[in-house]
Structures are given as C-alpha cells and as structure tokens.
Amino acid sequence: RTHFLSLSLQAKMSRPVQARRLEGTDKNIWVEFVKLAATYSKVNLGQGFPDFPPPDFLKESFVRALSGENYMLHQYTRAFGHPPLVKILAQFFGKLLGRDLDPMTNVMVTVGAYQALFCCFQALVDEGDEVIIIEPFFDCYEPMVKMAGGTPVFVPLRLKAPKDGKLMSSADWQLDPAELASKFSERTKAIVLNSPNNPLGKVFSREELELIADLCVKHDVLCISDEVYEWLVYDGKEHIRIASLRGMWDRTVTIGSAGKTFSATGWKVGWTMGPNRLLQHLRTVHQNSVYHCATIAQEAVAQGFQRELELYGKPDSYFVQLPKELQQKRDWLVQSLDAVGMKPIIPEGTYFLVADISKFKSDVPDVPDSDEPYDSRFAKWMVKNKGLAAIPLSAFYSGAHKNNYNHFIRFCFAKEEATLKAANDILQKWKREKTSP
C-alpha cells in the first residue's frame, strides 16, 4: 500500500496543463457580478435580459414544434441552420439589404450571437493579425481576439458633453476620424462594429458608418458587425446595416440574435450573414465545435420571422411594438435616475442606459492605490448595501483604459414595470438617506 501511495504521489502532473491561448482570458465580469446579484440583489438591473416573457406567437410556435406530429424536430437538423430558418432569414434580410441572399451559403445559424462572434474570430483572425475594437465594447471581443492569436487595437468613443446643462445622449460619444484612421495598418485584419452599441446604446450614424466603411475599403479590412439590437432603436433613429454600404457586402459578416429580437435570450439562437467567401470559413469552425443548434428553437424562430415578414412595418409587428414599449421603460428609468442625481446618458438604442455616479461618490470612499476601478467598487458596494445590481462601465474597456471612464455604471431597463418601480424605490430611499441631517 505504501508503494502504491508513493507511486500515486509521483504520478501527479508537473507540466502546465493550460493552453497558452487561455492566458489572461480567465477572468469574466459576468461570472463575478451574476454571483453578487444572486447573493445580494433585491432588484437586478445588471445582466442584459428581459424579465418579461417572449411574445405569445413565439411561445405558441415553440409549443407547436414541441408537441406536433413532426417528430423529426426532436432530431438533428442541418448543421449550418434549420432549412426553414435560413430560408426565412435570407428572404427577410435580403429585402432589407436589397440583394438576393442564398440561404445555404449566405446565412449560418449559431448558438446565439456569442458563438457567431467566436466563429468569426477563429475563422478569420490569424496569429499576428490586428483587430480594431471600438471602446466601450461588449467584453467578449477582447478575449476572443486573443484566443485566436490576434492583437486587439482599441479606439475610444470620446465624450463630447453638451454645454447647456442638458442630459447627455449616447450620440455625444463619438469617434475621432483621425484617431480611427491612425489605428489601421497593414497588420489590420478586421474591425468589430457594434451598433446599436452595448453598453452605451449608441446608434452609429450614416456618416460614422461611411467613415468606417471607407477605411475598410482603403485598407482591405474585414468588418465583423454585431447588430443584435438592430430592432431596438428609439426616438425615430434609423439602424443602418454597414453591409448595405458601397464596397462593404463582400467584406462584412453581420451577426444577429433571436434572443434580443424576440426577447428570448435563453433560446440561444443567433446567426451570421455575409458572402460565401467569408461564411465558408465560419462553417468550418462551427462544424468542428458545436456542429449543430437546437432544432425546435430554430423552428419556432423561423415561424416568428415568417409572421414578422408578413407584418413588416405595420403597427402589429413585434419589431414595431417592442421598441415602443422599451422606449417608455427607458424614459421612466431616465427620470428615476435623474431625480436622485445619477446623471443618465440617454441611449438611442439597446436594453441599456449608462449613468454618471459622480454625485454618489461620497457614499463609497476612494481606496488609494487600488487596482480596481472606482465604478467596479461602487457597483459591488451598491449591490451589497442597497440591493440594486448594475454593471461598471469600466468592464467594457481594455485594461489600459479602465480608469479613464470609472464613474459610470450600466443599467438594463428591459424589465417589467414592477422591477423598474422597485429600483426607483431603492433610489428614492437612498436619496432621502443622503439628504437627511
């Protein structure tokens, strides 16, 4: 027995087991803050998901698919997308892009937009390639670029605050054209565009998109366009698809999400669209990783898009109704935050609203020489002491720039009225405590 124990001790592995590509990508803001919210929050306005149900027609489609006579919906479907879904996506988005899309070569279904992004970086980015990322950015772009062997190059949206005492808008965060142009080099393989942008809610204007498109064409660079919030634009703003601009279809992969489109984030149905010369490489990554997405969810989403195609632009369309409802929720949260002195940045799109917490800094003292950005400490203190969960804006910046924008936090307003009211009650009580002698 002693001999066996000594052998087993010697048999422990001493060589490193972690692949080099994972170095520096192990920390994840969502793991930490989801755990904090689950432990302490009374009201969770942190993670970006609705706490209201998907539309009835979508749930009914799912139930029909689940309980109907077509037993094959319980089995594998086509690896790159359930045929009814890719066909309706090609038809629907072909109309919006003004071109004929081949459902079999121009569309690929993925396990949410998250896997679509992973496929893009793995398929298109090589060791030594540079990928331009506009800050603030959805946090997975940076580790996914690094895991593919690429080098992220960051360019910030710079805040041009209004001088007249008005509330800020996400449109006040802008690219500096010269600064953006300076980031393109012979090593640049791709730029990641996210419009409407998470976390700011910025909807890029035609002029801004044309600036990006001209640089992509000039430097022969690809564009990975994350458009998951394409239907969630407010105040009459227009979402412009960069693939529709001159010279861009052939170099753009567009990413969409049924989760954000139909308020069903847990279904994890996403897609990529683009020319076959790009999508053929995404298919190689897809078939050698997840291979296949849930058939029944794809069937239900296909039926949802069929309905929306028939109602396109009409008042009954979910794509018309949802942004109207969310704009009201946004306005309600804007008023609620403004009333207590957290200065909101009014978003033009998405589920999210960023607020300036400068006036609340007295609640959470500074820690000299701390590596942790102030807004991160503030958000942790707020969930533990006030029961309100939000996400620090610094989580959406690269390590070198985290402290440049460390007095903002992000709230999700895609919530039931009761949830937003409960958040307002917490804020009002907090304000009273601050002002009472």
Protein backbone atom coordinates (compact mmCIF):
# COMPACT_ATOMS: atom_id res chain seq x y z
CA ARG A 1 0.00 0.00 0.00
CA THR A 2 2.88 2.35 0.87
CA HIS A 3 4.42 1.57 -2.50
CA PHE A 4 1.11 2.39 -4.26
CA LEU A 5 0.80 5.76 -2.39
CA SER A 6 4.34 6.80 -3.31
CA LEU A 7 3.68 5.95 -6.96
CA SER A 8 0.43 7.94 -7.00
CA LEU A 9 2.22 10.95 -5.46
CA GLN A 10 4.91 10.74 -8.11
CA ALA A 11 2.27 10.44 -10.82
CA LYS A 12 0.89 13.97 -10.27
CA MET A 13 1.37 16.11 -13.35
CA SER A 14 4.05 18.77 -13.09
CA ARG A 15 3.85 20.17 -16.63
CA PRO A 16 1.45 23.13 -17.24
CA VAL A 17 -1.96 21.93 -18.38
CA GLN A 18 -3.42 25.24 -19.54
CA ALA A 19 -3.17 26.05 -23.25
CA ARG A 20 -1.27 29.29 -23.88
CA ARG A 21 -4.24 30.74 -25.76
CA LEU A 22 -6.15 30.96 -22.45
CA GLU A 23 -3.56 33.14 -20.72
CA GLY A 24 -5.11 36.36 -19.46
CA THR A 25 -8.64 35.40 -20.52
CA ASP A 26 -9.74 33.53 -17.39
CA LYS A 27 -11.46 36.43 -15.59
CA ASN A 28 -15.03 37.25 -16.61
CA ILE A 29 -17.07 40.16 -15.28
CA TRP A 30 -20.36 38.27 -15.67
CA VAL A 31 -19.31 35.33 -13.50
CA GLU A 32 -18.44 37.73 -10.67
CA PHE A 33 -21.40 40.11 -10.93
CA VAL A 34 -24.03 37.42 -11.60
CA LYS A 35 -22.93 35.72 -8.39
CA LEU A 36 -23.09 39.03 -6.47
CA ALA A 37 -26.55 39.80 -7.87
CA ALA A 38 -27.81 36.30 -6.97
CA THR A 39 -26.48 36.68 -3.41
CA TYR A 40 -27.43 40.26 -2.54
CA SER A 41 -29.74 41.96 -5.04
CA LYS A 42 -33.38 42.78 -4.43
CA VAL A 43 -33.51 44.32 -7.91
CA ASN A 44 -31.22 43.13 -10.72
CA LEU A 45 -30.67 45.72 -13.46
CA GLY A 46 -27.27 44.22 -14.24
CA GLN A 47 -27.35 41.45 -16.85
CA GLY A 48 -28.95 42.18 -20.20
CA PHE A 49 -32.02 40.01 -20.35
CA PRO A 50 -35.74 40.82 -20.09
CA ASP A 51 -37.69 39.61 -17.06
CA PHE A 52 -40.87 39.66 -19.18
CA PRO A 53 -41.92 36.81 -21.50
CA PRO A 54 -41.36 36.49 -25.24
CA PRO A 55 -44.43 37.33 -27.37
CA ASP A 56 -47.31 34.82 -27.30
CA PHE A 57 -46.96 33.97 -31.00
CA LEU A 58 -43.36 32.85 -30.42
CA LYS A 59 -44.17 30.73 -27.38
CA GLU A 60 -47.07 29.14 -29.31
CA SER A 61 -44.70 28.34 -32.19
CA PHE A 62 -42.36 26.61 -29.76
CA VAL A 63 -45.19 24.58 -28.20
CA ARG A 64 -46.47 23.57 -31.66
CA ALA A 65 -42.99 22.46 -32.67
CA LEU A 66 -42.54 20.55 -29.41
CA SER A 67 -45.89 18.74 -29.35
CA GLY A 68 -46.72 18.46 -33.06
CA GLU A 69 -46.65 15.46 -35.36
CA ASN A 70 -43.28 16.28 -36.91
CA TYR A 71 -41.10 14.06 -34.72
CA MET A 72 -38.02 14.98 -36.75
CA LEU A 73 -37.98 18.35 -34.96
CA HIS A 74 -36.62 16.41 -31.96
CA GLN A 75 -33.64 15.22 -34.02
CA TYR A 76 -30.62 16.80 -35.72
CA THR A 77 -31.35 19.26 -38.46
CA ARG A 78 -28.93 20.73 -41.00
CA ALA A 79 -25.70 21.64 -39.18
CA PHE A 80 -25.43 25.18 -40.56
CA GLY A 81 -29.05 26.10 -39.92
CA HIS A 82 -32.51 24.54 -39.95
CA PRO A 83 -33.73 24.94 -43.58
CA PRO A 84 -36.97 26.84 -42.73
CA LEU A 85 -34.96 29.30 -40.60
CA VAL A 86 -32.14 30.03 -43.05
CA LYS A 87 -34.71 30.42 -45.85
CA ILE A 88 -36.80 33.00 -44.00
CA LEU A 89 -33.68 34.84 -42.74
CA ALA A 90 -32.36 35.06 -46.32
CA GLN A 91 -35.74 36.32 -47.54
CA PHE A 92 -36.21 38.81 -44.70
CA PHE A 93 -32.72 40.31 -44.62
CA GLY A 94 -32.33 40.10 -48.40
CA LYS A 95 -35.23 42.55 -48.57
CA LEU A 96 -33.55 44.87 -46.02
CA LEU A 97 -30.13 44.70 -47.69
CA GLY A 98 -31.53 44.99 -51.21
CA ARG A 99 -29.83 41.83 -52.50
CA ASP A 100 -30.65 38.17 -53.19
CA LEU A 101 -29.29 36.01 -50.38
CA ASP A 102 -28.70 32.29 -50.81
CA PRO A 103 -29.99 30.63 -47.60
CA MET A 104 -27.46 27.80 -47.87
CA THR A 105 -24.31 29.91 -48.39
CA ASN A 106 -25.07 33.46 -47.13
CA VAL A 107 -26.65 32.53 -43.76
CA MET A 108 -25.39 30.33 -40.91
CA VAL A 109 -27.26 29.69 -37.64
CA THR A 110 -25.22 29.69 -34.42
CA VAL A 111 -25.68 29.04 -30.69
CA GLY A 112 -26.58 32.66 -30.02
CA ALA A 113 -24.66 35.68 -31.29
CA TYR A 114 -21.90 34.72 -28.82
CA GLN A 115 -20.95 31.64 -30.85
CA ALA A 116 -21.29 33.65 -34.06
CA LEU A 117 -18.60 36.02 -32.73
CA PHE A 118 -16.39 33.08 -31.71
CA CYS A 119 -16.69 31.58 -35.21
CA CYS A 120 -15.74 34.92 -36.80
CA PHE A 121 -12.58 35.38 -34.75
CA GLN A 122 -11.49 31.74 -35.01
CA ALA A 123 -12.15 31.59 -38.76
CA LEU A 124 -10.81 34.97 -39.87
CA VAL A 125 -8.10 36.08 -37.40
CA ASP A 126 -4.57 34.66 -37.51
CA GLU A 127 -1.50 34.90 -35.29
CA GLY A 128 -0.20 38.46 -35.53
CA ASP A 129 -3.34 39.95 -37.08
CA GLU A 130 -4.63 43.16 -35.53
CA VAL A 131 -8.34 43.66 -34.85
CA ILE A 132 -9.68 47.16 -34.15
CA ILE A 133 -12.20 47.30 -31.29
CA ILE A 134 -14.19 50.45 -30.55
CA GLU A 135 -14.36 51.25 -26.80
CA PRO A 136 -16.52 50.77 -24.79
CA PHE A 137 -17.16 47.27 -26.18
CA PHE A 138 -19.05 44.11 -25.30
CA ASP A 139 -16.47 42.41 -23.12
CA CYS A 140 -16.01 39.11 -25.00
CA TYR A 141 -14.47 40.75 -28.10
CA GLU A 142 -11.05 41.19 -26.49
CA PRO A 143 -10.53 37.63 -25.11
CA MET A 144 -11.95 36.07 -28.29
CA VAL A 145 -9.47 38.03 -30.45
CA LYS A 146 -6.61 36.98 -28.14
CA MET A 147 -7.66 33.31 -28.15
CA ALA A 148 -7.49 33.38 -31.96
CA GLY A 149 -3.90 34.68 -31.71
CA GLY A 150 -4.81 38.21 -32.77
CA THR A 151 -3.88 41.53 -31.19
CA PRO A 152 -6.72 43.85 -30.16
CA VAL A 153 -6.19 47.53 -31.06
CA PHE A 154 -8.51 49.87 -29.17
CA VAL A 155 -10.01 53.16 -30.34
CA PRO A 156 -12.32 55.06 -27.95
CA LEU A 157 -15.59 56.82 -28.48
CA ARG A 158 -14.81 60.23 -26.99
CA LEU A 159 -17.40 62.06 -24.92
CA LYS A 160 -18.40 65.50 -26.18
CA ALA A 161 -20.60 66.60 -23.29
CA PRO A 162 -23.40 69.08 -24.01
CA LYS A 163 -22.69 72.54 -22.54
CA ASP A 164 -26.26 73.68 -21.95
CA GLY A 165 -26.96 71.52 -18.90
CA LYS A 166 -28.97 69.02 -20.97
CA LEU A 167 -28.75 65.35 -20.20
CA MET A 168 -26.09 63.56 -22.23
CA SER A 169 -27.08 61.31 -25.12
CA SER A 170 -25.24 58.26 -26.42
CA ALA A 171 -24.81 60.32 -29.63
CA ASP A 172 -22.41 62.56 -27.65
CA TRP A 173 -19.88 59.70 -27.66
CA GLN A 174 -18.08 59.94 -30.99
CA LEU A 175 -15.14 58.57 -32.93
CA ASP A 176 -12.32 60.95 -33.77
CA PRO A 177 -11.85 60.38 -37.54
CA ALA A 178 -8.08 61.00 -37.46
CA GLU A 179 -7.61 58.78 -34.41
CA LEU A 180 -9.63 55.96 -36.03
CA ALA A 181 -7.66 56.25 -39.30
CA SER A 182 -4.38 56.05 -37.34
CA LYS A 183 -5.32 52.59 -35.99
CA PHE A 184 -5.44 51.00 -39.48
CA SER A 185 -2.18 49.44 -40.68
CA GLU A 186 -1.00 46.64 -42.96
CA ARG A 187 -1.47 44.27 -39.98
CA THR A 188 -5.15 45.19 -39.54
CA LYS A 189 -7.33 42.20 -40.47
CA ALA A 190 -10.73 43.33 -39.15
CA ILE A 191 -12.69 45.94 -37.24
CA VAL A 192 -15.50 45.00 -34.86
CA LEU A 193 -18.55 47.25 -35.11
CA ASN A 194 -21.40 47.08 -32.58
CA SER A 195 -24.37 49.26 -33.50
CA PRO A 196 -26.57 49.79 -31.57
CA ASN A 197 -23.71 49.67 -29.07
CA ASN A 198 -23.70 47.77 -25.79
CA PRO A 199 -23.13 49.35 -23.21
CA LEU A 200 -23.79 52.95 -24.33
CA GLY A 201 -26.85 52.44 -26.53
CA LYS A 202 -25.18 54.48 -29.29
CA VAL A 203 -26.66 54.07 -32.79
CA PHE A 204 -23.93 54.88 -35.31
CA SER A 205 -24.99 57.46 -37.88
CA ARG A 206 -24.67 57.01 -41.64
CA GLU A 207 -21.75 59.46 -41.61
CA GLU A 208 -19.91 57.46 -38.93
CA LEU A 209 -20.55 54.16 -40.73
CA GLU A 210 -19.33 55.62 -44.04
CA LEU A 211 -16.11 56.73 -42.28
CA ILE A 212 -15.56 53.14 -41.07
CA ALA A 213 -16.54 51.67 -44.46
CA ASP A 214 -14.16 53.95 -46.39
CA LEU A 215 -11.26 52.91 -44.13
CA CYS A 216 -12.17 49.21 -44.51
CA VAL A 217 -12.18 49.52 -48.31
CA LYS A 218 -8.98 51.61 -48.39
CA HIS A 219 -7.03 49.15 -46.20
CA ASP A 220 -8.76 45.97 -47.43
CA VAL A 221 -10.05 45.15 -43.94
CA LEU A 222 -12.95 42.91 -42.86
CA CYS A 223 -15.85 44.15 -40.73
CA ILE A 224 -17.46 41.99 -38.04
CA SER A 225 -20.76 43.79 -37.44
CA ASP A 226 -22.57 42.85 -34.23
CA GLU A 227 -26.16 44.05 -34.81
CA VAL A 228 -28.06 42.08 -32.17
CA TYR A 229 -30.00 45.19 -31.03
CA GLU A 230 -30.98 46.15 -34.62
CA TRP A 231 -34.72 46.42 -33.82
CA LEU A 232 -34.25 48.24 -30.52
CA VAL A 233 -33.77 51.85 -31.66
CA TYR A 234 -35.63 54.82 -30.20
CA ASP A 235 -36.73 58.40 -30.94
CA GLY A 236 -37.18 57.67 -34.64
CA LYS A 237 -33.49 56.77 -35.14
CA GLU A 238 -32.60 54.51 -38.06
CA HIS A 239 -30.45 51.41 -37.77
CA ILE A 240 -28.22 51.29 -40.84
CA ARG A 241 -26.62 47.99 -41.79
CA ILE A 242 -22.98 48.57 -42.73
CA ALA A 243 -23.13 45.63 -45.18
CA SER A 244 -25.54 47.74 -47.28
CA LEU A 245 -22.92 50.49 -47.84
CA ARG A 246 -20.81 50.65 -51.00
CA GLY A 247 -17.96 48.12 -51.03
CA MET A 248 -18.97 46.50 -47.74
CA TRP A 249 -21.10 43.42 -48.53
CA ASP A 250 -18.07 41.47 -49.72
CA ARG A 251 -16.04 42.19 -46.56
CA THR A 252 -18.69 42.12 -43.80
CA VAL A 253 -20.06 39.38 -41.56
CA THR A 254 -23.30 40.59 -39.92
CA ILE A 255 -24.37 38.98 -36.64
CA GLY A 256 -27.95 38.81 -35.34
CA SER A 257 -29.78 37.29 -32.38
CA ALA A 258 -33.25 35.84 -31.84
CA GLY A 259 -32.62 36.37 -28.11
CA LYS A 260 -32.66 40.15 -28.47
CA THR A 261 -35.06 40.21 -31.45
CA PHE A 262 -37.81 38.16 -29.75
CA SER A 263 -36.96 38.65 -26.03
CA ALA A 264 -35.90 35.00 -25.66
CA THR A 265 -32.24 35.15 -24.67
CA GLY A 266 -32.24 31.63 -23.18
CA TRP A 267 -33.08 30.03 -26.54
CA LYS A 268 -29.57 30.82 -27.80
CA VAL A 269 -30.41 31.15 -31.49
CA GLY A 270 -28.14 33.52 -33.41
CA TRP A 271 -26.95 33.84 -36.98
CA THR A 272 -24.29 35.23 -39.27
CA MET A 273 -24.88 36.68 -42.71
CA GLY A 274 -22.39 37.53 -45.40
CA PRO A 275 -20.70 36.44 -48.63
CA ASN A 276 -19.90 32.75 -49.04
CA ARG A 277 -16.16 33.56 -49.33
CA LEU A 278 -16.27 34.50 -45.62
CA LEU A 279 -19.03 32.23 -44.33
CA GLN A 280 -17.41 29.07 -45.71
CA HIS A 281 -14.63 29.52 -43.13
CA LEU A 282 -17.12 30.17 -40.31
CA ARG A 283 -18.84 26.90 -41.27
CA THR A 284 -15.53 25.05 -40.80
CA VAL A 285 -15.20 26.38 -37.23
CA HIS A 286 -18.88 25.70 -36.49
CA GLN A 287 -18.79 22.08 -37.73
CA ASN A 288 -15.70 21.40 -35.62
CA SER A 289 -17.02 22.95 -32.42
CA VAL A 290 -20.75 22.88 -31.69
CA TYR A 291 -21.77 21.39 -35.07
CA HIS A 292 -25.48 21.98 -34.53
CA CYS A 293 -28.06 24.19 -32.76
CA ALA A 294 -31.34 23.16 -31.08
CA THR A 295 -33.82 22.21 -33.81
CA ILE A 296 -37.07 23.14 -32.04
CA ALA A 297 -35.85 26.62 -31.09
CA GLN A 298 -34.81 27.21 -34.72
CA GLU A 299 -38.23 26.06 -35.96
CA ALA A 300 -40.03 28.45 -33.59
CA VAL A 301 -37.78 31.38 -34.55
CA ALA A 302 -38.42 30.61 -38.25
CA GLN A 303 -42.16 30.88 -37.63
CA GLY A 304 -41.62 34.14 -35.71
CA PHE A 305 -39.78 35.66 -38.67
CA GLN A 306 -42.46 34.39 -41.08
CA ARG A 307 -45.05 36.34 -39.08
CA GLU A 308 -42.85 39.44 -38.94
CA LEU A 309 -42.24 39.35 -42.70
CA GLU A 310 -45.99 39.44 -43.30
CA LEU A 311 -46.44 42.30 -40.79
CA TYR A 312 -43.27 44.21 -41.70
CA GLY A 313 -43.65 47.93 -40.91
CA LYS A 314 -47.24 47.50 -39.69
CA PRO A 315 -48.39 48.53 -36.17
CA ASP A 316 -48.98 44.87 -35.13
CA SER A 317 -45.37 43.91 -35.89
CA TYR A 318 -43.40 42.90 -32.79
CA PHE A 319 -40.45 44.78 -34.28
CA VAL A 320 -42.58 47.94 -34.09
CA GLN A 321 -44.20 47.24 -30.71
CA LEU A 322 -41.14 46.17 -28.71
CA PRO A 323 -39.06 49.34 -29.23
CA LYS A 324 -42.11 51.46 -28.34
CA GLU A 325 -42.51 49.58 -25.05
CA LEU A 326 -38.79 49.71 -24.29
CA GLN A 327 -38.57 53.43 -25.08
CA GLN A 328 -41.20 54.05 -22.37
CA LYS A 329 -39.21 51.92 -19.91
CA ARG A 330 -36.04 53.80 -20.85
CA ASP A 331 -37.71 57.18 -20.27
CA TRP A 332 -39.04 56.00 -16.93
CA LEU A 333 -35.59 54.92 -15.74
CA VAL A 334 -34.02 58.13 -17.10
CA GLN A 335 -36.44 60.21 -14.99
CA SER A 336 -35.91 57.97 -11.96
CA LEU A 337 -32.10 58.26 -12.10
CA ASP A 338 -32.11 61.97 -12.92
CA ALA A 339 -34.43 62.68 -9.95
CA VAL A 340 -31.92 61.23 -7.48
CA GLY A 341 -28.84 62.83 -9.05
CA MET A 342 -27.39 59.93 -11.04
CA LYS A 343 -26.96 61.60 -14.45
CA PRO A 344 -28.21 59.21 -17.16
CA ILE A 345 -26.84 59.14 -20.71
CA ILE A 346 -29.97 58.76 -22.84
CA PRO A 347 -29.44 55.75 -25.13
CA GLU A 348 -30.57 55.79 -28.77
CA GLY A 349 -30.95 52.00 -28.73
CA THR A 350 -30.43 48.65 -26.90
CA TYR A 351 -31.55 47.45 -23.45
CA PHE A 352 -29.03 49.63 -21.64
CA LEU A 353 -28.57 53.00 -20.04
CA VAL A 354 -25.31 54.30 -18.59
CA ALA A 355 -25.40 56.77 -15.68
CA ASP A 356 -22.79 59.08 -14.16
CA ILE A 357 -22.35 58.27 -10.43
CA SER A 358 -20.10 61.26 -9.57
CA LYS A 359 -22.64 62.74 -7.13
CA PHE A 360 -22.81 59.45 -5.23
CA LYS A 361 -19.05 59.09 -4.76
CA SER A 362 -19.30 60.31 -1.16
CA ASP A 363 -21.13 57.04 -0.31
CA VAL A 364 -18.21 54.87 -1.34
CA PRO A 365 -14.80 56.21 -0.28
CA ASP A 366 -11.82 56.05 -2.61
CA VAL A 367 -9.17 53.43 -1.88
CA PRO A 368 -5.77 54.96 -2.69
CA ASP A 369 -3.51 52.89 -4.98
CA SER A 370 -6.28 50.36 -5.66
CA ASP A 371 -6.01 48.45 -8.93
CA GLU A 372 -9.78 48.12 -9.07
CA PRO A 373 -11.58 50.89 -11.00
CA TYR A 374 -13.80 53.07 -8.81
CA ASP A 375 -17.06 52.18 -10.63
CA SER A 376 -16.41 48.48 -10.01
CA ARG A 377 -16.05 49.05 -6.27
CA PHE A 378 -19.12 51.29 -6.33
CA ALA A 379 -21.26 48.66 -8.14
CA LYS A 380 -20.20 45.97 -5.65
CA TRP A 381 -20.94 48.26 -2.70
CA MET A 382 -24.33 49.19 -4.21
CA VAL A 383 -25.49 45.60 -4.64
CA LYS A 384 -24.31 44.58 -1.16
CA ASN A 385 -25.61 47.65 0.71
CA LYS A 386 -28.60 48.81 -1.37
CA GLY A 387 -29.69 45.59 -3.07
CA LEU A 388 -29.52 47.16 -6.55
CA ALA A 389 -27.38 45.39 -9.18
CA ALA A 390 -25.75 47.20 -12.11
CA ILE A 391 -22.53 46.72 -14.10
CA PRO A 392 -19.49 49.07 -14.02
CA LEU A 393 -18.73 50.76 -17.34
CA SER A 394 -15.00 50.06 -16.86
CA ALA A 395 -15.81 46.37 -17.52
CA PHE A 396 -16.30 47.39 -21.17
CA TYR A 397 -12.80 48.89 -21.56
CA SER A 398 -9.35 47.39 -22.11
CA GLY A 399 -7.03 47.13 -19.11
CA ALA A 400 -5.05 50.25 -20.06
CA HIS A 401 -8.18 52.42 -20.31
CA LYS A 402 -10.35 51.12 -17.44
CA ASN A 403 -9.61 54.09 -15.19
CA ASN A 404 -10.41 56.70 -17.86
CA TYR A 405 -14.16 56.11 -17.56
CA ASN A 406 -14.56 54.89 -13.99
CA HIS A 407 -17.51 56.99 -12.79
CA PHE A 408 -20.29 55.39 -14.83
CA ILE A 409 -22.44 52.30 -14.31
CA ARG A 410 -24.73 50.45 -16.74
CA PHE A 411 -28.36 49.61 -16.01
CA CYS A 412 -30.63 47.29 -18.02
CA PHE A 413 -34.15 48.70 -18.48
CA ALA A 414 -35.62 45.74 -20.39
CA LYS A 415 -37.60 44.82 -17.29
CA GLU A 416 -41.17 44.59 -16.02
CA GLU A 417 -42.67 47.82 -14.67
CA ALA A 418 -42.70 46.31 -11.18
CA THR A 419 -38.92 45.71 -11.38
CA LEU A 420 -38.24 49.29 -12.50
CA LYS A 421 -40.56 50.62 -9.77
CA ALA A 422 -38.70 48.59 -7.14
CA ALA A 423 -35.41 50.05 -8.43
CA ASN A 424 -36.90 53.56 -8.20
CA ASP A 425 -37.98 52.89 -4.60
CA ILE A 426 -34.40 51.89 -3.68
CA LEU A 427 -33.01 55.03 -5.33
CA GLN A 428 -35.54 57.34 -3.66
CA LYS A 429 -34.85 55.86 -0.24
CA TRP A 430 -31.11 56.21 -0.86
CA LYS A 431 -31.59 59.89 -1.80
CA ARG A 432 -33.57 60.55 1.38
CA GLU A 433 -30.82 58.94 3.47
CA LYS A 434 -28.21 61.15 1.76
CA THR A 435 -30.14 64.38 2.39
CA SER A 436 -31.45 63.72 5.89
CA PRO A 437 -29.47 65.50 8.66
